[in-house]
PDB file of N, CA and C in Angstrom:
ATOM      1  N   MET A   1     155.843 165.427  91.087  1.00  0.00           N
ATOM      2  CA  MET A   1     155.663 165.472  90.143  1.00  0.00           C
ATOM      3  C   MET A   1     156.933 166.215  89.450  1.00  0.00           C
ATOM      4  N   THR A   2     157.301 165.115  88.236  1.00  0.00           N
ATOM      5  CA  THR A   2     158.259 165.950  86.975  1.00  0.00           C
ATOM      6  C   THR A   2     157.898 166.475  85.805  1.00  0.00           C
ATOM      7  N   ARG A   3     158.868 167.120  85.321  1.00  0.00           N
ATOM      8  CA  ARG A   3     158.266 168.186  84.323  1.00  0.00           C
ATOM      9  C   ARG A   3     157.330 167.605  83.563  1.00  0.00           C
ATOM     10  N   ARG A   4     157.941 166.290  83.287  1.00  0.00           N
ATOM     11  CA  ARG A   4     157.944 165.527  81.616  1.00  0.00           C
ATOM     12  C   ARG A   4     157.021 165.098  81.934  1.00  0.00           C
ATOM     13  N   ARG A   5     156.162 164.612  83.239  1.00  0.00           N
ATOM     14  CA  ARG A   5     155.375 163.628  83.622  1.00  0.00           C
ATOM     15  C   ARG A   5     154.074 164.717  83.808  1.00  0.00           C
ATOM     16  N   ALA A   6     154.361 166.719  84.428  1.00  0.00           N
ATOM     17  CA  ALA A   6     153.104 167.405  83.697  1.00  0.00           C
ATOM     18  C   ALA A   6     152.892 167.902  82.243  1.00  0.00           C
ATOM     19  N   TRP A   7     154.037 167.624  81.460  1.00  0.00           N
ATOM     20  CA  TRP A   7     153.311 168.390  80.065  1.00  0.00           C
ATOM     21  C   TRP A   7     152.913 166.688  79.872  1.00  0.00           C
ATOM     22  N   ALA A   8     153.337 165.376  79.997  1.00  0.00           N
ATOM     23  CA  ALA A   8     152.299 164.426  79.418  1.00  0.00           C
ATOM     24  C   ALA A   8     150.916 164.629  79.983  1.00  0.00           C
ATOM     25  N   TRP A   9     150.223 164.945  81.370  1.00  0.00           N
ATOM     26  CA  TRP A   9     149.042 164.823  81.617  1.00  0.00           C
ATOM     27  C   TRP A   9     148.604 165.336  80.734  1.00  0.00           C
ATOM     28  N   CYS A  10     149.087 167.164  80.866  1.00  0.00           N
ATOM     29  CA  CYS A  10     148.838 168.502  79.929  1.00  0.00           C
ATOM     30  C   CYS A  10     148.271 167.711  78.696  1.00  0.00           C
ATOM     31  N   ALA A  11     148.755 167.078  78.084  1.00  0.00           N
ATOM     32  CA  ALA A  11     148.338 166.725  76.548  1.00  0.00           C
ATOM     33  C   ALA A  11     147.125 165.958  76.635  1.00  0.00           C
ATOM     34  N   VAL A  12     147.612 164.694  77.629  1.00  0.00           N
ATOM     35  CA  VAL A  12     145.975 164.511  77.437  1.00  0.00           C
ATOM     36  C   VAL A  12     144.675 164.676  78.137  1.00  0.00           C
ATOM     37  N   VAL A  13     144.630 165.445  78.728  1.00  0.00           N
ATOM     38  CA  VAL A  13     143.323 166.165  79.126  1.00  0.00           C
ATOM     39  C   VAL A  13     143.252 167.487  78.030  1.00  0.00           C
ATOM     40  N   GLY A  14     144.032 167.633  77.082  1.00  0.00           N
ATOM     41  CA  GLY A  14     144.190 168.265  75.869  1.00  0.00           C
ATOM     42  C   GLY A  14     143.586 167.501  75.233  1.00  0.00           C
ATOM     43  N   VAL A  15     143.875 166.740  74.887  1.00  0.00           N
ATOM     44  CA  VAL A  15     143.156 165.109  73.829  1.00  0.00           C
ATOM     45  C   VAL A  15     141.513 165.100  74.713  1.00  0.00           C
ATOM     46  N   ALA A  16     141.264 164.963  75.941  1.00  0.00           N
ATOM     47  CA  ALA A  16     140.269 164.743  75.962  1.00  0.00           C
ATOM     48  C   ALA A  16     139.429 165.530  76.076  1.00  0.00           C
ATOM     49  N   VAL A  17     139.623 166.943  75.891  1.00  0.00           N
ATOM     50  CA  VAL A  17     139.089 168.690  76.267  1.00  0.00           C
ATOM     51  C   VAL A  17     137.971 168.152  74.727  1.00  0.00           C
ATOM     52  N   LEU A  18     139.605 168.491  74.122  1.00  0.00           N
ATOM     53  CA  LEU A  18     138.979 168.001  72.428  1.00  0.00           C
ATOM     54  C   LEU A  18     138.264 167.526  71.918  1.00  0.00           C
ATOM     55  N   THR A  19     138.359 166.706  72.568  1.00  0.00           N
ATOM     56  CA  THR A  19     137.412 165.080  72.078  1.00  0.00           C
ATOM     57  C   THR A  19     136.108 165.254  72.465  1.00  0.00           C
ATOM     58  N   LEU A  20     136.311 165.211  73.651  1.00  0.00           N
ATOM     59  CA  LEU A  20     134.094 165.900  74.242  1.00  0.00           C
ATOM     60  C   LEU A  20     133.831 167.025  74.094  1.00  0.00           C
ATOM     61  N   THR A  21     134.501 167.763  73.624  1.00  0.00           N
ATOM     62  CA  THR A  21     133.694 169.210  72.732  1.00  0.00           C
ATOM     63  C   THR A  21     132.929 169.251  71.896  1.00  0.00           C
ATOM     64  N   GLY A  22     133.963 168.266  70.811  1.00  0.00           N
ATOM     65  CA  GLY A  22     133.155 167.959  69.699  1.00  0.00           C
ATOM     66  C   GLY A  22     134.407 168.853  68.268  1.00  0.00           C
ATOM     67  N   CYS A  23     135.451 168.518  68.607  1.00  0.00           N
ATOM     68  CA  CYS A  23     136.300 169.641  67.545  1.00  0.00           C
ATOM     69  C   CYS A  23     136.196 169.408  65.584  1.00  0.00           C
ATOM     70  N   ALA A  24     135.635 168.650  65.404  1.00  0.00           N
ATOM     71  CA  ALA A  24     135.456 168.003  64.143  1.00  0.00           C
ATOM     72  C   ALA A  24     133.927 168.717  63.666  1.00  0.00           C
ATOM     73  N   THR A  25     133.863 168.752  62.041  1.00  0.00           N
ATOM     74  CA  THR A  25     133.193 169.396  61.310  1.00  0.00           C
ATOM     75  C   THR A  25     131.767 169.202  62.445  1.00  0.00           C
ATOM     76  N   ASP A  26     131.106 170.016  61.985  1.00  0.00           N
ATOM     77  CA  ASP A  26     129.742 169.797  62.595  1.00  0.00           C
ATOM     78  C   ASP A  26     128.443 169.032  61.001  1.00  0.00           C
ATOM     79  N   ASP A  27     127.499 168.197  61.204  1.00  0.00           N
ATOM     80  CA  ASP A  27     126.989 167.810  60.706  1.00  0.00           C
ATOM     81  C   ASP A  27     125.835 168.215  59.896  1.00  0.00           C
ATOM     82  N   GLU A  28     125.681 168.367  58.862  1.00  0.00           N
ATOM     83  CA  GLU A  28     124.831 169.009  57.997  1.00  0.00           C
ATOM     84  C   GLU A  28     123.180 168.090  58.032  1.00  0.00           C
ATOM     85  N   ILE A  29     122.022 168.444  58.199  1.00  0.00           N
ATOM     86  CA  ILE A  29     120.755 167.843  58.671  1.00  0.00           C
ATOM     87  C   ILE A  29     120.182 168.357  57.377  1.00  0.00           C
ATOM     88  N   PHE A  30     119.520 167.357  56.414  1.00  0.00           N
ATOM     89  CA  PHE A  30     118.603 168.071  55.367  1.00  0.00           C
ATOM     90  C   PHE A  30     117.014 167.206  56.104  1.00  0.00           C
ATOM     91  N   VAL A  31     116.168 167.825  55.068  1.00  0.00           N
ATOM     92  CA  VAL A  31     114.161 166.636  55.133  1.00  0.00           C
ATOM     93  C   VAL A  31     114.195 167.171  53.637  1.00  0.00           C
ATOM     94  N   SER A  32     114.125 165.244  53.074  1.00  0.00           N
ATOM     95  CA  SER A  32     113.340 164.942  51.885  1.00  0.00           C
ATOM     96  C   SER A  32     113.040 164.752  51.758  1.00  0.00           C
ATOM     97  N   ASN A  33     111.293 164.761  50.466  1.00  0.00           N
ATOM     98  CA  ASN A  33     110.456 164.232  50.382  1.00  0.00           C
ATOM     99  C   ASN A  33     110.492 163.819  49.067  1.00  0.00           C
ATOM    100  N   PHE A  34     109.694 162.455  48.846  1.00  0.00           N
ATOM    101  CA  PHE A  34     109.526 161.558  47.347  1.00  0.00           C
ATOM    102  C   PHE A  34     108.102 161.248  47.408  1.00  0.00           C
ATOM    103  N   THR A  35     107.433 160.545  46.260  1.00  0.00           N
ATOM    104  CA  THR A  35     106.509 159.810  45.640  1.00  0.00           C
ATOM    105  C   THR A  35     106.562 158.284  45.457  1.00  0.00           C
ATOM    106  N   ASP A  36     106.054 157.492  46.424  1.00  0.00           N
ATOM    107  CA  ASP A  36     106.996 156.060  46.625  1.00  0.00           C
ATOM    108  C   ASP A  36     106.133 156.057  45.344  1.00  0.00           C
ATOM    109  N   ALA A  37     106.348 154.260  44.425  1.00  0.00           N
ATOM    110  CA  ALA A  37     105.349 153.881  43.445  1.00  0.00           C
ATOM    111  C   ALA A  37     104.020 152.691  43.620  1.00  0.00           C
ATOM    112  N   HIS A  38     103.990 153.565  44.824  1.00  0.00           N
ATOM    113  CA  HIS A  38     102.328 152.955  45.538  1.00  0.00           C
ATOM    114  C   HIS A  38     101.610 154.564  45.442  1.00  0.00           C
ATOM    115  N   GLY A  39     102.311 155.666  45.546  1.00  0.00           N
ATOM    116  CA  GLY A  39     101.634 157.118  45.395  1.00  0.00           C
ATOM    117  C   GLY A  39     101.263 157.787  46.802  1.00  0.00           C
ATOM    118  N   ARG A  40     102.327 156.703  47.599  1.00  0.00           N
ATOM    119  CA  ARG A  40     102.351 157.176  49.192  1.00  0.00           C
ATOM    120  C   ARG A  40     103.367 158.541  48.770  1.00  0.00           C
ATOM    121  N   ALA A  41     102.938 159.538  49.817  1.00  0.00           N
ATOM    122  CA  ALA A  41     104.157 160.973  49.980  1.00  0.00           C
ATOM    123  C   ALA A  41     105.254 160.151  51.402  1.00  0.00           C
ATOM    124  N   CYS A  42     106.363 159.772  50.905  1.00  0.00           N
ATOM    125  CA  CYS A  42     107.049 160.018  51.797  1.00  0.00           C
ATOM    126  C   CYS A  42     108.226 161.198  52.377  1.00  0.00           C
ATOM    127  N   THR A  43     108.212 161.070  53.852  1.00  0.00           N
ATOM    128  CA  THR A  43     109.390 162.024  54.299  1.00  0.00           C
ATOM    129  C   THR A  43     110.694 161.542  54.676  1.00  0.00           C
ATOM    130  N   PHE A  44     111.833 161.429  54.984  1.00  0.00           N
ATOM    131  CA  PHE A  44     112.849 161.195  55.710  1.00  0.00           C
ATOM    132  C   PHE A  44     114.053 162.298  56.112  1.00  0.00           C
ATOM    133  N   VAL A  45     114.428 162.283  56.926  1.00  0.00           N
ATOM    134  CA  VAL A  45     115.458 163.048  57.459  1.00  0.00           C
ATOM    135  C   VAL A  45     116.879 162.457  57.681  1.00  0.00           C
ATOM    136  N   TYR A  46     118.163 162.966  57.245  1.00  0.00           N
ATOM    137  CA  TYR A  46     119.624 162.370  56.856  1.00  0.00           C
ATOM    138  C   TYR A  46     120.326 163.265  57.250  1.00  0.00           C
ATOM    139  N   THR A  47     121.283 162.835  57.762  1.00  0.00           N
ATOM    140  CA  THR A  47     122.767 163.466  58.020  1.00  0.00           C
ATOM    141  C   THR A  47     123.977 163.441  57.474  1.00  0.00           C
ATOM    142  N   ALA A  48     124.264 164.111  56.593  1.00  0.00           N
ATOM    143  CA  ALA A  48     125.306 164.362  55.769  1.00  0.00           C
ATOM    144  C   ALA A  48     126.801 164.690  56.839  1.00  0.00           C
ATOM    145  N   ARG A  49     127.726 164.455  56.482  1.00  0.00           N
ATOM    146  CA  ARG A  49     128.941 164.592  57.254  1.00  0.00           C
ATOM    147  C   ARG A  49     130.405 164.319  56.080  1.00  0.00           C
ATOM    148  N   ALA A  50     130.459 165.407  56.067  1.00  0.00           N
ATOM    149  CA  ALA A  50     132.205 164.985  55.136  1.00  0.00           C
ATOM    150  C   ALA A  50     132.992 164.197  55.166  1.00  0.00           C
ATOM    151  N   GLY A  51     133.564 163.248  54.734  1.00  0.00           N
ATOM    152  CA  GLY A  51     134.424 161.998  55.313  1.00  0.00           C
ATOM    153  C   GLY A  51     135.100 162.700  55.507  1.00  0.00           C
ATOM    154  N   GLU A  52     135.517 161.743  56.064  1.00  0.00           N
ATOM    155  CA  GLU A  52     137.304 162.034  56.747  1.00  0.00           C
ATOM    156  C   GLU A  52     138.418 160.396  56.398  1.00  0.00           C
ATOM    157  N   GLY A  53     139.178 160.103  56.289  1.00  0.00           N
ATOM    158  CA  GLY A  53     140.186 160.066  55.755  1.00  0.00           C
ATOM    159  C   GLY A  53     140.826 159.767  54.138  1.00  0.00           C
ATOM    160  N   TRP A  54     140.998 158.404  53.739  1.00  0.00           N
ATOM    161  CA  TRP A  54     141.581 158.245  52.773  1.00  0.00           C
ATOM    162  C   TRP A  54     140.697 158.359  51.437  1.00  0.00           C
ATOM    163  N   ASN A  55     139.657 158.071  51.538  1.00  0.00           N
ATOM    164  CA  ASN A  55     138.661 158.049  50.458  1.00  0.00           C
ATOM    165  C   ASN A  55     137.724 159.106  50.168  1.00  0.00           C
ATOM    166  N   SER A  56     137.922 160.263  51.730  1.00  0.00           N
ATOM    167  CA  SER A  56     137.058 161.676  51.367  1.00  0.00           C
ATOM    168  C   SER A  56     135.291 161.807  51.240  1.00  0.00           C
ATOM    169  N   SER A  57     134.656 160.604  50.964  1.00  0.00           N
ATOM    170  CA  SER A  57     133.449 160.465  50.716  1.00  0.00           C
ATOM    171  C   SER A  57     132.533 160.654  51.957  1.00  0.00           C
ATOM    172  N   THR A  58     131.552 161.070  51.393  1.00  0.00           N
ATOM    173  CA  THR A  58     130.877 161.511  52.564  1.00  0.00           C
ATOM    174  C   THR A  58     130.070 160.520  53.097  1.00  0.00           C
ATOM    175  N   ASP A  59     129.651 161.108  54.278  1.00  0.00           N
ATOM    176  CA  ASP A  59     128.732 159.552  55.285  1.00  0.00           C
ATOM    177  C   ASP A  59     127.348 160.131  55.700  1.00  0.00           C
ATOM    178  N   VAL A  60     126.668 159.213  55.593  1.00  0.00           N
ATOM    179  CA  VAL A  60     124.835 159.769  55.445  1.00  0.00           C
ATOM    180  C   VAL A  60     123.984 158.810  56.279  1.00  0.00           C
ATOM    181  N   ASP A  61     123.199 159.450  57.114  1.00  0.00           N
ATOM    182  CA  ASP A  61     123.062 158.764  58.146  1.00  0.00           C
ATOM    183  C   ASP A  61     121.364 159.715  57.692  1.00  0.00           C
ATOM    184  N   VAL A  62     120.594 157.987  57.539  1.00  0.00           N
ATOM    185  CA  VAL A  62     119.048 157.916  56.927  1.00  0.00           C
ATOM    186  C   VAL A  62     118.217 157.568  58.299  1.00  0.00           C
ATOM    187  N   SER A  63     117.170 158.503  58.772  1.00  0.00           N
ATOM    188  CA  SER A  63     116.742 158.115  60.043  1.00  0.00           C
ATOM    189  C   SER A  63     115.025 158.762  59.749  1.00  0.00           C
ATOM    190  N   GLN A  64     114.032 158.401  60.517  1.00  0.00           N
ATOM    191  CA  GLN A  64     113.097 159.454  60.495  1.00  0.00           C
ATOM    192  C   GLN A  64     112.063 158.833  59.406  1.00  0.00           C
ATOM    193  N   LEU A  65     112.244 158.400  58.261  1.00  0.00           N
ATOM    194  CA  LEU A  65     111.450 158.064  57.201  1.00  0.00           C
ATOM    195  C   LEU A  65     110.288 157.439  57.952  1.00  0.00           C
ATOM    196  N   ASP A  66     109.044 158.734  56.637  1.00  0.00           N
ATOM    197  CA  ASP A  66     107.559 157.762  57.063  1.00  0.00           C
ATOM    198  C   ASP A  66     106.360 158.495  55.578  1.00  0.00           C
ATOM    199  N   CYS A  67     105.784 157.532  55.382  1.00  0.00           N
ATOM    200  CA  CYS A  67     105.113 157.053  54.143  1.00  0.00           C
ATOM    201  C   CYS A  67     103.352 157.075  54.479  1.00  0.00           C
ATOM    202  N   GLU A  68     103.281 157.846  53.819  1.00  0.00           N
ATOM    203  CA  GLU A  68     101.243 158.249  54.004  1.00  0.00           C
ATOM    204  C   GLU A  68     100.401 158.175  52.722  1.00  0.00           C
ATOM    205  N   TYR A  69      99.746 157.840  52.609  1.00  0.00           N
ATOM    206  CA  TYR A  69      99.493 158.170  51.502  1.00  0.00           C
ATOM    207  C   TYR A  69      97.743 158.872  51.743  1.00  0.00           C
ATOM    208  N   PRO A  70      98.385 160.180  50.643  1.00  0.00           N
ATOM    209  CA  PRO A  70      97.579 161.320  50.831  1.00  0.00           C
ATOM    210  C   PRO A  70      95.522 160.996  51.155  1.00  0.00           C
ATOM    211  N   PRO A  71      95.346 162.303  51.547  1.00  0.00           N
ATOM    212  CA  PRO A  71      93.859 162.990  51.663  1.00  0.00           C
ATOM    213  C   PRO A  71      93.235 162.257  50.207  1.00  0.00           C
ATOM    214  N   ALA A  72      92.203 161.773  50.860  1.00  0.00           N
ATOM    215  CA  ALA A  72      91.819 161.455  48.704  1.00  0.00           C
ATOM    216  C   ALA A  72      91.713 162.664  48.317  1.00  0.00           C
ATOM    217  N   GLY A  73      91.490 162.559  47.025  1.00  0.00           N
ATOM    218  CA  GLY A  73      91.359 164.272  45.864  1.00  0.00           C
ATOM    219  C   GLY A  73      92.108 164.959  45.682  1.00  0.00           C
ATOM    220  N   ARG A  74      93.655 164.489  46.407  1.00  0.00           N
ATOM    221  CA  ARG A  74      94.853 165.149  46.609  1.00  0.00           C
ATOM    222  C   ARG A  74      95.662 164.185  45.721  1.00  0.00           C
ATOM    223  N   THR A  75      96.918 165.095  45.675  1.00  0.00           N
ATOM    224  CA  THR A  75      98.239 164.411  44.850  1.00  0.00           C
ATOM    225  C   THR A  75      99.182 164.856  45.809  1.00  0.00           C
ATOM    226  N   PRO A  76     100.577 164.297  45.938  1.00  0.00           N
ATOM    227  CA  PRO A  76     102.171 164.727  46.728  1.00  0.00           C
ATOM    228  C   PRO A  76     102.411 165.375  45.797  1.00  0.00           C
ATOM    229  N   GLY A  77     103.188 166.146  46.340  1.00  0.00           N
ATOM    230  CA  GLY A  77     104.420 167.540  45.783  1.00  0.00           C
ATOM    231  C   GLY A  77     105.040 166.785  45.031  1.00  0.00           C
ATOM    232  N   PRO A  78     105.889 167.556  44.408  1.00  0.00           N
ATOM    233  CA  PRO A  78     106.362 167.046  43.726  1.00  0.00           C
ATOM    234  C   PRO A  78     108.060 167.325  44.762  1.00  0.00           C
ATOM    235  N   PRO A  79     108.723 166.062  44.397  1.00  0.00           N
ATOM    236  CA  PRO A  79     110.115 165.734  45.079  1.00  0.00           C
ATOM    237  C   PRO A  79     110.980 167.340  45.690  1.00  0.00           C
ATOM    238  N   ARG A  80     111.424 167.064  47.057  1.00  0.00           N
ATOM    239  CA  ARG A  80     112.110 168.879  47.890  1.00  0.00           C
ATOM    240  C   ARG A  80     112.662 167.931  48.301  1.00  0.00           C
ATOM    241  N   THR A  81     114.372 168.838  48.518  1.00  0.00           N
ATOM    242  CA  THR A  81     115.387 168.620  49.513  1.00  0.00           C
ATOM    243  C   THR A  81     115.250 169.675  50.561  1.00  0.00           C
ATOM    244  N   GLU A  82     115.397 169.938  51.325  1.00  0.00           N
ATOM    245  CA  GLU A  82     115.503 171.037  51.899  1.00  0.00           C
ATOM    246  C   GLU A  82     116.553 170.967  53.082  1.00  0.00           C
ATOM    247  N   HIS A  83     117.874 171.692  53.431  1.00  0.00           N
ATOM    248  CA  HIS A  83     119.149 171.890  54.065  1.00  0.00           C
ATOM    249  C   HIS A  83     118.392 172.720  55.558  1.00  0.00           C
ATOM    250  N   LEU A  84     118.320 172.002  56.452  1.00  0.00           N
ATOM    251  CA  LEU A  84     118.108 172.503  58.204  1.00  0.00           C
ATOM    252  C   LEU A  84     118.627 173.442  58.684  1.00  0.00           C
ATOM    253  N   GLU A  85     118.895 174.616  58.986  1.00  0.00           N
ATOM    254  CA  GLU A  85     119.363 175.548  59.631  1.00  0.00           C
ATOM    255  C   GLU A  85     119.631 174.823  61.369  1.00  0.00           C
ATOM    256  N   THR A  86     120.316 174.259  62.028  1.00  0.00           N
ATOM    257  CA  THR A  86     120.567 174.226  62.815  1.00  0.00           C
ATOM    258  C   THR A  86     121.958 175.440  63.710  1.00  0.00           C
ATOM    259  N   GLY A  87     121.333 175.472  65.036  1.00  0.00           N
ATOM    260  CA  GLY A  87     122.119 176.322  65.271  1.00  0.00           C
ATOM    261  C   GLY A  87     123.264 175.134  66.496  1.00  0.00           C
ATOM    262  N   PRO A  88     124.192 176.058  67.592  1.00  0.00           N
ATOM    263  CA  PRO A  88     124.572 175.970  69.152  1.00  0.00           C
ATOM    264  C   PRO A  88     123.148 174.858  69.557  1.00  0.00           C
ATOM    265  N   SER A  89     123.714 173.609  70.111  1.00  0.00           N
ATOM    266  CA  SER A  89     122.552 172.910  71.647  1.00  0.00           C
ATOM    267  C   SER A  89     122.656 174.313  72.883  1.00  0.00           C
ATOM    268  N   GLU A  90     121.792 174.114  72.910  1.00  0.00           N
ATOM    269  CA  GLU A  90     121.626 174.892  74.627  1.00  0.00           C
ATOM    270  C   GLU A  90     121.615 174.000  76.125  1.00  0.00           C
TER     271      GLU A  90
END
């Protein structure tokens, strides 16, 4: 193998390793709740990632939306958003 080909191979392997290990910034995970127009307490989880590119806006993915009526005689609490602390995956 020539020296030039060896350097090219090392560069390809290096890029692959960085891509597979996730060298990008970590996502931030939030849990938020609110009361909808029908009086249901709704909770959802969303993930926010700082934008990458020319506009550098934030990319938000919403998942796990769940709405339920509160038990009789109870009212939902005020809207709230909490940041979930995430550690390295095991």
